[in-house]
Amino acid sequence: MINFSEFNLEYARQNQCNEISSLVNLTYRGETGWTKENHIIQGHRTTGEEVASLLTVPDTNFFVIKQRQQLVSCIYVSKVKDSATIGFFSVHPNLQGKGLGKHVLKQAESFALTSLGTKRFEMFVVSQRPELIEFYERRGYVRTGRIEDYPADLGTGVPRVNGLTIEYLEKICS
């Protein structure tokens, strides 16, 4: 059983950009864990440079969780108009399936409610990842019906399958 009181979000620092990038790439393009998508997308999901760039954007908050000096989770929360965009959400594959992801997402949403003053959360996921969509649906997110082609031009990997798309999800808290 994991004691979640030890896992609290901390603001990411500039010197953690490569470590964050490595965690995100391991989470989504690695060989283990239930969030891997290397069977449908090849290449890196992000770079240290991209993370460093995001850390300078106003109203953007990048959080990390460390355990024994190792980064075990990260999540990005950015205020856009009246919404909080959630992204780069990663949990180390060795800790997946133990409730840490639920804990981290809940902390990020709480931060957005109290610090950003928003009750609406949005994100996008690869449409061909039904298990990931179901994870978010169990947390109160709903499909918006907005589906777009996979943004391969953004340098987030190259599709291995034809017709890859992303789907937008949202959650509105009362």
C-alpha atoms as a PDB file:
ATOM      1  CA  MET A   1       0.000   0.000   0.000  1.00  0.00           C
ATOM      2  CA  ILE A   2       1.342   3.401  -0.954  1.00  0.00           C
ATOM      3  CA  ASN A   3       1.223   6.228   1.589  1.00  0.00           C
ATOM      4  CA  PHE A   4       0.047   9.064  -0.666  1.00  0.00           C
ATOM      5  CA  SER A   5       0.752  11.709   1.962  1.00  0.00           C
ATOM      6  CA  GLU A   6       4.392  11.447   0.827  1.00  0.00           C
ATOM      7  CA  PHE A   7       3.478  12.307  -2.771  1.00  0.00           C
ATOM      8  CA  ASN A   8       2.770  16.016  -3.051  1.00  0.00           C
ATOM      9  CA  LEU A   9       3.076  18.212  -6.090  1.00  0.00           C
ATOM     10  CA  GLU A  10       6.064  20.531  -6.205  1.00  0.00           C
ATOM     11  CA  TYR A  11       6.721  23.171  -8.827  1.00  0.00           C
ATOM     12  CA  ALA A  12       9.113  21.920 -11.478  1.00  0.00           C
ATOM     13  CA  ARG A  13      12.419  23.725 -11.778  1.00  0.00           C
ATOM     14  CA  GLN A  14      14.384  24.587 -14.911  1.00  0.00           C
ATOM     15  CA  ASN A  15      17.104  22.094 -13.977  1.00  0.00           C
ATOM     16  CA  GLN A  16      14.518  19.265 -14.093  1.00  0.00           C
ATOM     17  CA  CYS A  17      13.505  19.694 -17.745  1.00  0.00           C
ATOM     18  CA  ASN A  18      15.502  16.749 -19.086  1.00  0.00           C
ATOM     19  CA  GLU A  19      14.376  14.541 -16.209  1.00  0.00           C
ATOM     20  CA  ILE A  20      10.734  15.471 -16.898  1.00  0.00           C
ATOM     21  CA  SER A  21      11.206  14.772 -20.594  1.00  0.00           C
ATOM     22  CA  SER A  22      12.737  11.371 -19.807  1.00  0.00           C
ATOM     23  CA  LEU A  23       9.809  10.461 -17.527  1.00  0.00           C
ATOM     24  CA  VAL A  24       7.198  11.491 -20.112  1.00  0.00           C
ATOM     25  CA  ASN A  25       8.985   9.537 -22.840  1.00  0.00           C
ATOM     26  CA  LEU A  26       9.341   6.475 -20.593  1.00  0.00           C
ATOM     27  CA  THR A  27       5.664   6.671 -19.629  1.00  0.00           C
ATOM     28  CA  TYR A  28       4.305   6.904 -23.173  1.00  0.00           C
ATOM     29  CA  ARG A  29       7.013   5.465 -25.423  1.00  0.00           C
ATOM     30  CA  GLY A  30       8.684   2.993 -23.073  1.00  0.00           C
ATOM     31  CA  GLU A  31       8.294  -0.775 -23.029  1.00  0.00           C
ATOM     32  CA  THR A  32       6.375  -1.183 -19.759  1.00  0.00           C
ATOM     33  CA  GLY A  33       3.306   0.227 -18.042  1.00  0.00           C
ATOM     34  CA  TRP A  34      -0.298   0.488 -19.142  1.00  0.00           C
ATOM     35  CA  THR A  35       0.078   4.020 -20.547  1.00  0.00           C
ATOM     36  CA  LYS A  36       2.622   3.072 -23.212  1.00  0.00           C
ATOM     37  CA  GLU A  37       1.677   3.900 -26.782  1.00  0.00           C
ATOM     38  CA  ASN A  38       4.827   2.806 -28.615  1.00  0.00           C
ATOM     39  CA  HIS A  39       2.740   0.263 -30.536  1.00  0.00           C
ATOM     40  CA  ILE A  40       0.926   3.123 -32.334  1.00  0.00           C
ATOM     41  CA  ILE A  41       3.429   6.020 -32.145  1.00  0.00           C
ATOM     42  CA  GLN A  42       7.193   5.953 -32.486  1.00  0.00           C
ATOM     43  CA  GLY A  43       9.734   8.519 -31.381  1.00  0.00           C
ATOM     44  CA  HIS A  44       9.928  10.855 -28.430  1.00  0.00           C
ATOM     45  CA  ARG A  45       6.811  12.400 -26.895  1.00  0.00           C
ATOM     46  CA  THR A  46       8.699  15.499 -25.749  1.00  0.00           C
ATOM     47  CA  THR A  47      12.122  17.019 -25.266  1.00  0.00           C
ATOM     48  CA  GLY A  48      13.844  18.866 -22.460  1.00  0.00           C
ATOM     49  CA  GLU A  49      13.764  21.961 -24.634  1.00  0.00           C
ATOM     50  CA  GLU A  50       9.978  21.781 -25.002  1.00  0.00           C
ATOM     51  CA  VAL A  51       9.535  21.396 -21.248  1.00  0.00           C
ATOM     52  CA  ALA A  52      11.910  24.321 -20.618  1.00  0.00           C
ATOM     53  CA  SER A  53       9.902  26.435 -23.029  1.00  0.00           C
ATOM     54  CA  LEU A  54       6.622  25.576 -21.270  1.00  0.00           C
ATOM     55  CA  LEU A  55       8.063  26.580 -17.902  1.00  0.00           C
ATOM     56  CA  THR A  56       8.307  30.166 -19.163  1.00  0.00           C
ATOM     57  CA  VAL A  57       4.687  30.478 -20.342  1.00  0.00           C
ATOM     58  CA  PRO A  58       2.491  32.724 -18.149  1.00  0.00           C
ATOM     59  CA  ASP A  59      -0.342  30.981 -16.254  1.00  0.00           C
ATOM     60  CA  THR A  60       1.398  27.645 -16.762  1.00  0.00           C
ATOM     61  CA  ASN A  61       2.307  25.365 -13.899  1.00  0.00           C
ATOM     62  CA  PHE A  62       4.435  22.260 -14.273  1.00  0.00           C
ATOM     63  CA  PHE A  63       4.467  19.998 -11.239  1.00  0.00           C
ATOM     64  CA  VAL A  64       6.610  17.036 -10.276  1.00  0.00           C
ATOM     65  CA  ILE A  65       6.662  14.417  -7.563  1.00  0.00           C
ATOM     66  CA  LYS A  66       9.917  12.868  -6.440  1.00  0.00           C
ATOM     67  CA  GLN A  67      10.489   9.765  -4.382  1.00  0.00           C
ATOM     68  CA  ARG A  68      13.969   8.955  -3.115  1.00  0.00           C
ATOM     69  CA  GLN A  69      15.518  11.543  -5.446  1.00  0.00           C
ATOM     70  CA  GLN A  70      13.791  10.034  -8.495  1.00  0.00           C
ATOM     71  CA  LEU A  71      11.076  11.773 -10.467  1.00  0.00           C
ATOM     72  CA  VAL A  72       8.003   9.511 -10.314  1.00  0.00           C
ATOM     73  CA  SER A  73       5.259  11.741 -11.697  1.00  0.00           C
ATOM     74  CA  CYS A  74       4.628  15.032 -13.458  1.00  0.00           C
ATOM     75  CA  ILE A  75       1.645  17.014 -14.662  1.00  0.00           C
ATOM     76  CA  TYR A  76       1.129  20.309 -16.464  1.00  0.00           C
ATOM     77  CA  VAL A  77      -1.731  22.696 -15.619  1.00  0.00           C
ATOM     78  CA  SER A  78      -2.213  25.791 -17.732  1.00  0.00           C
ATOM     79  CA  LYS A  79      -4.963  28.373 -17.489  1.00  0.00           C
ATOM     80  CA  VAL A  80      -6.468  29.228 -20.862  1.00  0.00           C
ATOM     81  CA  LYS A  81      -9.380  31.668 -20.605  1.00  0.00           C
ATOM     82  CA  ASP A  82     -11.812  30.043 -18.141  1.00  0.00           C
ATOM     83  CA  SER A  83     -10.344  26.528 -18.334  1.00  0.00           C
ATOM     84  CA  ALA A  84      -7.394  24.594 -16.997  1.00  0.00           C
ATOM     85  CA  THR A  85      -5.611  22.501 -19.586  1.00  0.00           C
ATOM     86  CA  ILE A  86      -4.070  19.306 -18.221  1.00  0.00           C
ATOM     87  CA  GLY A  87      -1.128  17.737 -20.030  1.00  0.00           C
ATOM     88  CA  PHE A  88       2.170  15.878 -19.809  1.00  0.00           C
ATOM     89  CA  PHE A  89       0.558  13.734 -17.111  1.00  0.00           C
ATOM     90  CA  SER A  90       2.953  10.907 -16.389  1.00  0.00           C
ATOM     91  CA  VAL A  91       3.456   8.285 -13.704  1.00  0.00           C
ATOM     92  CA  HIS A  92       6.581   6.122 -13.708  1.00  0.00           C
ATOM     93  CA  PRO A  93       5.652   2.681 -15.100  1.00  0.00           C
ATOM     94  CA  ASN A  94       6.840   0.966 -11.882  1.00  0.00           C
ATOM     95  CA  LEU A  95       4.175   2.885  -9.925  1.00  0.00           C
ATOM     96  CA  GLN A  96       1.296   2.640 -12.389  1.00  0.00           C
ATOM     97  CA  GLY A  97      -1.860   0.827 -11.324  1.00  0.00           C
ATOM     98  CA  LYS A  98      -1.359   1.647  -7.642  1.00  0.00           C
ATOM     99  CA  GLY A  99      -3.505   4.783  -7.375  1.00  0.00           C
ATOM    100  CA  LEU A 100      -0.755   7.371  -7.744  1.00  0.00           C
ATOM    101  CA  GLY A 101      -2.199   8.702 -11.014  1.00  0.00           C
ATOM    102  CA  LYS A 102      -5.589   9.300  -9.401  1.00  0.00           C
ATOM    103  CA  HIS A 103      -3.872  11.067  -6.509  1.00  0.00           C
ATOM    104  CA  VAL A 104      -1.792  13.317  -8.786  1.00  0.00           C
ATOM    105  CA  LEU A 105      -4.731  14.229 -11.018  1.00  0.00           C
ATOM    106  CA  LYS A 106      -6.843  15.095  -7.985  1.00  0.00           C
ATOM    107  CA  GLN A 107      -4.082  17.376  -6.642  1.00  0.00           C
ATOM    108  CA  ALA A 108      -3.740  19.116 -10.026  1.00  0.00           C
ATOM    109  CA  GLU A 109      -7.493  19.678 -10.245  1.00  0.00           C
ATOM    110  CA  SER A 110      -7.554  21.006  -6.684  1.00  0.00           C
ATOM    111  CA  PHE A 111      -4.746  23.428  -7.561  1.00  0.00           C
ATOM    112  CA  ALA A 112      -6.678  24.637 -10.618  1.00  0.00           C
ATOM    113  CA  LEU A 113      -9.835  25.163  -8.551  1.00  0.00           C
ATOM    114  CA  THR A 114      -8.163  27.062  -5.727  1.00  0.00           C
ATOM    115  CA  SER A 115      -5.237  28.833  -7.393  1.00  0.00           C
ATOM    116  CA  LEU A 116      -6.437  29.378 -10.946  1.00  0.00           C
ATOM    117  CA  GLY A 117     -10.098  29.892 -10.115  1.00  0.00           C
ATOM    118  CA  THR A 118     -11.357  27.563 -12.800  1.00  0.00           C
ATOM    119  CA  LYS A 119     -13.912  24.790 -12.546  1.00  0.00           C
ATOM    120  CA  ARG A 120     -13.462  23.494 -16.082  1.00  0.00           C
ATOM    121  CA  PHE A 121     -10.665  21.123 -17.031  1.00  0.00           C
ATOM    122  CA  GLU A 122      -9.762  19.977 -20.517  1.00  0.00           C
ATOM    123  CA  MET A 123      -7.225  17.688 -22.090  1.00  0.00           C
ATOM    124  CA  PHE A 124      -6.679  15.621 -25.162  1.00  0.00           C
ATOM    125  CA  VAL A 125      -5.681  12.009 -25.529  1.00  0.00           C
ATOM    126  CA  VAL A 126      -4.922   9.734 -28.448  1.00  0.00           C
ATOM    127  CA  SER A 127      -8.316   8.439 -29.565  1.00  0.00           C
ATOM    128  CA  GLN A 128      -6.942   4.957 -30.179  1.00  0.00           C
ATOM    129  CA  ARG A 129      -6.200   4.611 -26.429  1.00  0.00           C
ATOM    130  CA  PRO A 130      -9.614   3.530 -25.060  1.00  0.00           C
ATOM    131  CA  GLU A 131      -8.129   2.407 -21.734  1.00  0.00           C
ATOM    132  CA  LEU A 132      -6.732   5.900 -21.166  1.00  0.00           C
ATOM    133  CA  ILE A 133     -10.031   7.543 -22.097  1.00  0.00           C
ATOM    134  CA  GLU A 134     -11.810   5.163 -19.693  1.00  0.00           C
ATOM    135  CA  PHE A 135      -9.374   6.130 -16.894  1.00  0.00           C
ATOM    136  CA  TYR A 136     -10.350   9.777 -17.308  1.00  0.00           C
ATOM    137  CA  GLU A 137     -14.064   8.978 -17.661  1.00  0.00           C
ATOM    138  CA  ARG A 138     -13.914   7.218 -14.282  1.00  0.00           C
ATOM    139  CA  ARG A 139     -12.549  10.512 -12.906  1.00  0.00           C
ATOM    140  CA  GLY A 140     -15.504  12.523 -14.271  1.00  0.00           C
ATOM    141  CA  TYR A 141     -14.167  13.579 -17.675  1.00  0.00           C
ATOM    142  CA  VAL A 142     -16.466  13.344 -20.670  1.00  0.00           C
ATOM    143  CA  ARG A 143     -15.823  13.188 -24.362  1.00  0.00           C
ATOM    144  CA  THR A 144     -16.543  16.489 -26.086  1.00  0.00           C
ATOM    145  CA  GLY A 145     -16.924  15.062 -29.581  1.00  0.00           C
ATOM    146  CA  ARG A 146     -13.991  17.152 -30.785  1.00  0.00           C
ATOM    147  CA  ILE A 147     -11.575  14.891 -32.663  1.00  0.00           C
ATOM    148  CA  GLU A 148      -8.605  16.044 -34.721  1.00  0.00           C
ATOM    149  CA  ASP A 149      -5.834  14.427 -36.719  1.00  0.00           C
ATOM    150  CA  TYR A 150      -2.814  13.434 -34.653  1.00  0.00           C
ATOM    151  CA  PRO A 151      -0.486  16.488 -34.576  1.00  0.00           C
ATOM    152  CA  ALA A 152       2.603  14.764 -35.995  1.00  0.00           C
ATOM    153  CA  ASP A 153       3.920  18.157 -37.136  1.00  0.00           C
ATOM    154  CA  LEU A 154       4.426  19.181 -33.486  1.00  0.00           C
ATOM    155  CA  GLY A 155       7.271  16.707 -32.988  1.00  0.00           C
ATOM    156  CA  THR A 156       5.344  14.470 -30.577  1.00  0.00           C
ATOM    157  CA  GLY A 157       6.156  11.271 -32.432  1.00  0.00           C
ATOM    158  CA  VAL A 158       5.362   9.617 -35.722  1.00  0.00           C
ATOM    159  CA  PRO A 159       2.201   7.518 -36.078  1.00  0.00           C
ATOM    160  CA  ARG A 160       2.779   3.818 -36.727  1.00  0.00           C
ATOM    161  CA  VAL A 161      -0.861   3.367 -37.749  1.00  0.00           C
ATOM    162  CA  ASN A 162      -2.976   5.197 -40.284  1.00  0.00           C
ATOM    163  CA  GLY A 163      -5.769   7.495 -39.173  1.00  0.00           C
ATOM    164  CA  LEU A 164      -4.389   8.331 -35.744  1.00  0.00           C
ATOM    165  CA  THR A 165      -6.438  11.050 -34.010  1.00  0.00           C
ATOM    166  CA  ILE A 166      -6.641  12.950 -30.737  1.00  0.00           C
ATOM    167  CA  GLU A 167      -9.834  13.417 -28.779  1.00  0.00           C
ATOM    168  CA  TYR A 168     -10.704  16.198 -26.354  1.00  0.00           C
ATOM    169  CA  LEU A 169     -12.125  15.484 -22.907  1.00  0.00           C
ATOM    170  CA  GLU A 170     -13.479  17.887 -20.322  1.00  0.00           C
ATOM    171  CA  LYS A 171     -14.635  17.951 -16.734  1.00  0.00           C
ATOM    172  CA  ILE A 172     -16.709  20.626 -15.073  1.00  0.00           C
ATOM    173  CA  CYS A 173     -16.726  20.786 -11.288  1.00  0.00           C
ATOM    174  CA  SER A 174     -19.631  22.301  -9.422  1.00  0.00           C
END
